[in-house]
Amino acid sequence: MRADSSGLKRPRYPMPDFVRNALGERGLMDAYTQRPAYQQNDYIGWILRAKRQETKESRLRQMLDELERGGVYMNMKHAASEKK
């Protein structure tokens, strides 16, 4: 983890290649970068903290689905990201 200039008070997780690749393949990098820094960081940390590969993959799929759908963040309603 590293500190950055995003305004986060806690260290920021670097984006792993497998997440970057998945975002690119699904065309969701813009949707990801439009989310607040804390959400980006929470998603990456949540995925990386999984102990089992299957759990990492499941969490990655959830993040991708939420970004694609819009209006949701970590299974919670997120009005700011709703698709118009």
N, C-alpha and C. Protein backbone atom coordinates (compact mmCIF):
# COMPACT_ATOMS: atom_id res chain seq x y z
N MET A 1 0.84 -1.18 0.00
CA MET A 1 0.00 0.00 0.00
C MET A 1 0.88 1.24 0.00
N ARG A 2 0.34 2.32 -0.54
CA ARG A 2 1.10 3.56 -0.58
C ARG A 2 0.16 4.74 -0.37
N ALA A 3 0.70 5.81 0.15
CA ALA A 3 -0.08 7.04 0.27
C ALA A 3 -0.06 7.75 -1.08
N ASP A 4 -1.08 8.55 -1.35
CA ASP A 4 -1.12 9.28 -2.61
C ASP A 4 -1.81 10.62 -2.40
N SER A 5 -2.10 11.30 -3.48
CA SER A 5 -2.69 12.63 -3.40
C SER A 5 -4.20 12.62 -3.61
N SER A 6 -4.85 11.48 -3.45
CA SER A 6 -6.29 11.38 -3.69
C SER A 6 -7.13 11.95 -2.56
N GLY A 7 -6.49 12.28 -1.43
CA GLY A 7 -7.23 12.78 -0.29
C GLY A 7 -7.58 11.68 0.71
N LEU A 8 -7.25 10.45 0.38
CA LEU A 8 -7.50 9.35 1.31
C LEU A 8 -6.61 9.51 2.53
N LYS A 9 -7.17 9.22 3.69
CA LYS A 9 -6.40 9.31 4.93
C LYS A 9 -5.62 8.02 5.19
N ARG A 10 -6.01 6.96 4.55
CA ARG A 10 -5.33 5.68 4.74
C ARG A 10 -4.54 5.33 3.48
N PRO A 11 -3.60 4.42 3.59
CA PRO A 11 -2.80 4.04 2.41
C PRO A 11 -3.67 3.50 1.28
N ARG A 12 -3.23 3.75 0.07
CA ARG A 12 -3.96 3.31 -1.11
C ARG A 12 -3.34 2.02 -1.65
N TYR A 13 -4.22 1.06 -1.98
CA TYR A 13 -3.76 -0.19 -2.58
C TYR A 13 -3.42 0.04 -4.05
N PRO A 14 -2.29 -0.46 -4.50
CA PRO A 14 -1.99 -0.37 -5.94
C PRO A 14 -2.88 -1.35 -6.70
N MET A 15 -3.27 -0.98 -7.91
CA MET A 15 -4.13 -1.85 -8.70
C MET A 15 -3.33 -3.00 -9.30
N PRO A 16 -3.70 -4.24 -8.99
CA PRO A 16 -3.00 -5.38 -9.58
C PRO A 16 -3.32 -5.51 -11.08
N ASP A 17 -2.41 -6.12 -11.79
CA ASP A 17 -2.59 -6.29 -13.24
C ASP A 17 -3.87 -7.04 -13.58
N PHE A 18 -4.22 -8.07 -12.79
CA PHE A 18 -5.40 -8.86 -13.13
C PHE A 18 -6.68 -8.02 -13.02
N VAL A 19 -6.71 -7.06 -12.12
CA VAL A 19 -7.87 -6.16 -12.01
C VAL A 19 -7.86 -5.18 -13.18
N ARG A 20 -6.71 -4.60 -13.47
CA ARG A 20 -6.60 -3.66 -14.59
C ARG A 20 -7.02 -4.36 -15.90
N ASN A 21 -6.57 -5.58 -16.10
CA ASN A 21 -6.92 -6.32 -17.31
C ASN A 21 -8.42 -6.59 -17.39
N ALA A 22 -9.01 -6.98 -16.27
CA ALA A 22 -10.45 -7.26 -16.25
C ALA A 22 -11.27 -6.01 -16.54
N LEU A 23 -10.86 -4.88 -15.97
CA LEU A 23 -11.55 -3.62 -16.24
C LEU A 23 -11.45 -3.27 -17.72
N GLY A 24 -10.26 -3.45 -18.29
CA GLY A 24 -10.06 -3.16 -19.71
C GLY A 24 -10.87 -4.07 -20.61
N GLU A 25 -10.89 -5.36 -20.29
CA GLU A 25 -11.62 -6.33 -21.11
C GLU A 25 -13.12 -6.04 -21.11
N ARG A 26 -13.63 -5.58 -20.00
CA ARG A 26 -15.07 -5.30 -19.89
C ARG A 26 -15.40 -3.85 -20.25
N GLY A 27 -14.38 -3.04 -20.58
CA GLY A 27 -14.61 -1.65 -20.94
C GLY A 27 -15.12 -0.81 -19.77
N LEU A 28 -14.62 -1.11 -18.57
CA LEU A 28 -15.13 -0.46 -17.36
C LEU A 28 -14.12 0.43 -16.65
N MET A 29 -12.98 0.69 -17.27
CA MET A 29 -11.98 1.51 -16.60
C MET A 29 -12.52 2.91 -16.31
N ASP A 30 -13.26 3.50 -17.23
CA ASP A 30 -13.84 4.83 -16.99
C ASP A 30 -14.82 4.80 -15.83
N ALA A 31 -15.67 3.78 -15.78
CA ALA A 31 -16.63 3.66 -14.68
C ALA A 31 -15.89 3.53 -13.35
N TYR A 32 -14.78 2.80 -13.36
CA TYR A 32 -13.98 2.63 -12.14
C TYR A 32 -13.34 3.96 -11.72
N THR A 33 -12.72 4.66 -12.66
CA THR A 33 -12.02 5.89 -12.31
C THR A 33 -12.97 7.03 -11.97
N GLN A 34 -14.22 6.92 -12.36
CA GLN A 34 -15.21 7.94 -12.00
C GLN A 34 -15.71 7.76 -10.57
N ARG A 35 -15.47 6.61 -9.99
CA ARG A 35 -15.86 6.40 -8.60
C ARG A 35 -14.91 7.17 -7.69
N PRO A 36 -15.38 7.54 -6.49
CA PRO A 36 -14.50 8.24 -5.54
C PRO A 36 -13.29 7.38 -5.18
N ALA A 37 -12.21 8.04 -4.80
CA ALA A 37 -10.97 7.33 -4.46
C ALA A 37 -11.18 6.29 -3.37
N TYR A 38 -12.03 6.60 -2.38
CA TYR A 38 -12.23 5.62 -1.31
C TYR A 38 -12.89 4.36 -1.83
N GLN A 39 -13.79 4.48 -2.81
CA GLN A 39 -14.43 3.29 -3.37
C GLN A 39 -13.44 2.47 -4.19
N GLN A 40 -12.63 3.15 -4.99
CA GLN A 40 -11.61 2.44 -5.76
C GLN A 40 -10.71 1.65 -4.81
N ASN A 41 -10.27 2.31 -3.75
CA ASN A 41 -9.37 1.69 -2.78
C ASN A 41 -10.06 0.54 -2.05
N ASP A 42 -11.31 0.74 -1.66
CA ASP A 42 -12.05 -0.31 -0.96
C ASP A 42 -12.22 -1.55 -1.83
N TYR A 43 -12.57 -1.34 -3.09
CA TYR A 43 -12.72 -2.48 -4.00
C TYR A 43 -11.41 -3.27 -4.10
N ILE A 44 -10.31 -2.59 -4.36
CA ILE A 44 -9.03 -3.28 -4.54
C ILE A 44 -8.62 -3.99 -3.25
N GLY A 45 -8.71 -3.32 -2.12
CA GLY A 45 -8.35 -3.93 -0.85
C GLY A 45 -9.21 -5.13 -0.54
N TRP A 46 -10.49 -5.04 -0.80
CA TRP A 46 -11.44 -6.12 -0.55
C TRP A 46 -11.08 -7.35 -1.40
N ILE A 47 -10.77 -7.11 -2.65
CA ILE A 47 -10.38 -8.21 -3.54
C ILE A 47 -9.06 -8.83 -3.07
N LEU A 48 -8.07 -8.00 -2.77
CA LEU A 48 -6.74 -8.51 -2.40
C LEU A 48 -6.71 -9.21 -1.05
N ARG A 49 -7.60 -8.86 -0.14
CA ARG A 49 -7.60 -9.49 1.18
C ARG A 49 -8.18 -10.90 1.18
N ALA A 50 -8.82 -11.30 0.10
CA ALA A 50 -9.36 -12.66 0.02
C ALA A 50 -8.21 -13.65 0.07
N LYS A 51 -8.39 -14.70 0.85
CA LYS A 51 -7.33 -15.71 0.98
C LYS A 51 -7.35 -16.71 -0.16
N ARG A 52 -8.53 -17.07 -0.62
CA ARG A 52 -8.65 -18.07 -1.69
C ARG A 52 -8.81 -17.40 -3.05
N GLN A 53 -8.23 -18.00 -4.07
CA GLN A 53 -8.32 -17.47 -5.43
C GLN A 53 -9.77 -17.39 -5.89
N GLU A 54 -10.57 -18.38 -5.51
CA GLU A 54 -11.98 -18.38 -5.91
C GLU A 54 -12.71 -17.16 -5.34
N THR A 55 -12.36 -16.79 -4.12
CA THR A 55 -12.98 -15.62 -3.49
C THR A 55 -12.53 -14.35 -4.18
N LYS A 56 -11.25 -14.26 -4.52
CA LYS A 56 -10.76 -13.08 -5.27
C LYS A 56 -11.53 -12.93 -6.57
N GLU A 57 -11.71 -14.04 -7.27
CA GLU A 57 -12.41 -14.00 -8.56
C GLU A 57 -13.87 -13.61 -8.38
N SER A 58 -14.50 -14.11 -7.34
CA SER A 58 -15.89 -13.78 -7.07
C SER A 58 -16.04 -12.29 -6.74
N ARG A 59 -15.13 -11.77 -5.93
CA ARG A 59 -15.17 -10.35 -5.57
C ARG A 59 -14.89 -9.47 -6.78
N LEU A 60 -13.97 -9.89 -7.63
CA LEU A 60 -13.68 -9.15 -8.85
C LEU A 60 -14.92 -9.10 -9.74
N ARG A 61 -15.60 -10.24 -9.89
CA ARG A 61 -16.83 -10.27 -10.70
C ARG A 61 -17.89 -9.34 -10.13
N GLN A 62 -18.02 -9.33 -8.79
CA GLN A 62 -19.00 -8.44 -8.17
C GLN A 62 -18.67 -6.99 -8.47
N MET A 63 -17.40 -6.61 -8.33
CA MET A 63 -17.01 -5.24 -8.61
C MET A 63 -17.33 -4.88 -10.06
N LEU A 64 -16.97 -5.75 -11.00
CA LEU A 64 -17.21 -5.49 -12.41
C LEU A 64 -18.70 -5.35 -12.69
N ASP A 65 -19.50 -6.25 -12.12
CA ASP A 65 -20.94 -6.19 -12.32
C ASP A 65 -21.54 -4.90 -11.76
N GLU A 66 -21.07 -4.49 -10.58
CA GLU A 66 -21.56 -3.26 -9.97
C GLU A 66 -21.18 -2.04 -10.81
N LEU A 67 -19.96 -2.02 -11.32
CA LEU A 67 -19.53 -0.90 -12.16
C LEU A 67 -20.35 -0.85 -13.45
N GLU A 68 -20.62 -2.00 -14.02
CA GLU A 68 -21.38 -2.07 -15.26
C GLU A 68 -22.83 -1.65 -15.04
N ARG A 69 -23.41 -2.09 -13.95
CA ARG A 69 -24.81 -1.81 -13.63
C ARG A 69 -24.99 -0.35 -13.19
N GLY A 70 -24.06 0.14 -12.39
CA GLY A 70 -24.18 1.49 -11.83
C GLY A 70 -25.22 1.51 -10.72
N GLY A 71 -25.14 2.53 -9.90
CA GLY A 71 -26.13 2.70 -8.85
C GLY A 71 -25.96 1.82 -7.64
N VAL A 72 -24.84 1.09 -7.59
CA VAL A 72 -24.60 0.19 -6.47
C VAL A 72 -23.11 0.16 -6.15
N TYR A 73 -22.81 0.03 -4.87
CA TYR A 73 -21.43 -0.06 -4.39
C TYR A 73 -21.41 -1.03 -3.22
N MET A 74 -20.69 -2.13 -3.36
CA MET A 74 -20.59 -3.15 -2.32
C MET A 74 -21.98 -3.61 -1.86
N ASN A 75 -22.83 -3.87 -2.81
CA ASN A 75 -24.20 -4.32 -2.58
C ASN A 75 -25.08 -3.28 -1.89
N MET A 76 -24.66 -2.03 -1.89
CA MET A 76 -25.47 -0.96 -1.30
C MET A 76 -25.85 0.03 -2.41
N LYS A 77 -27.03 0.61 -2.28
CA LYS A 77 -27.46 1.62 -3.25
C LYS A 77 -26.48 2.78 -3.25
N HIS A 78 -26.11 3.24 -4.45
CA HIS A 78 -25.17 4.36 -4.58
C HIS A 78 -25.70 5.26 -5.70
N ALA A 79 -26.54 6.20 -5.29
CA ALA A 79 -27.24 7.06 -6.26
C ALA A 79 -26.29 7.84 -7.17
N ALA A 80 -25.15 8.24 -6.66
CA ALA A 80 -24.23 9.05 -7.46
C ALA A 80 -23.69 8.32 -8.68
N SER A 81 -23.72 6.99 -8.66
CA SER A 81 -23.19 6.24 -9.80
C SER A 81 -24.29 5.64 -10.68
N GLU A 82 -25.53 6.02 -10.43
CA GLU A 82 -26.63 5.50 -11.26
C GLU A 82 -26.44 5.92 -12.69
N LYS A 83 -26.74 4.99 -13.59
CA LYS A 83 -26.66 5.27 -15.02
C LYS A 83 -27.92 6.03 -15.42
N LYS A 84 -27.74 7.06 -16.21
CA LYS A 84 -28.88 7.89 -16.66
C LYS A 84 -29.52 7.29 -17.87
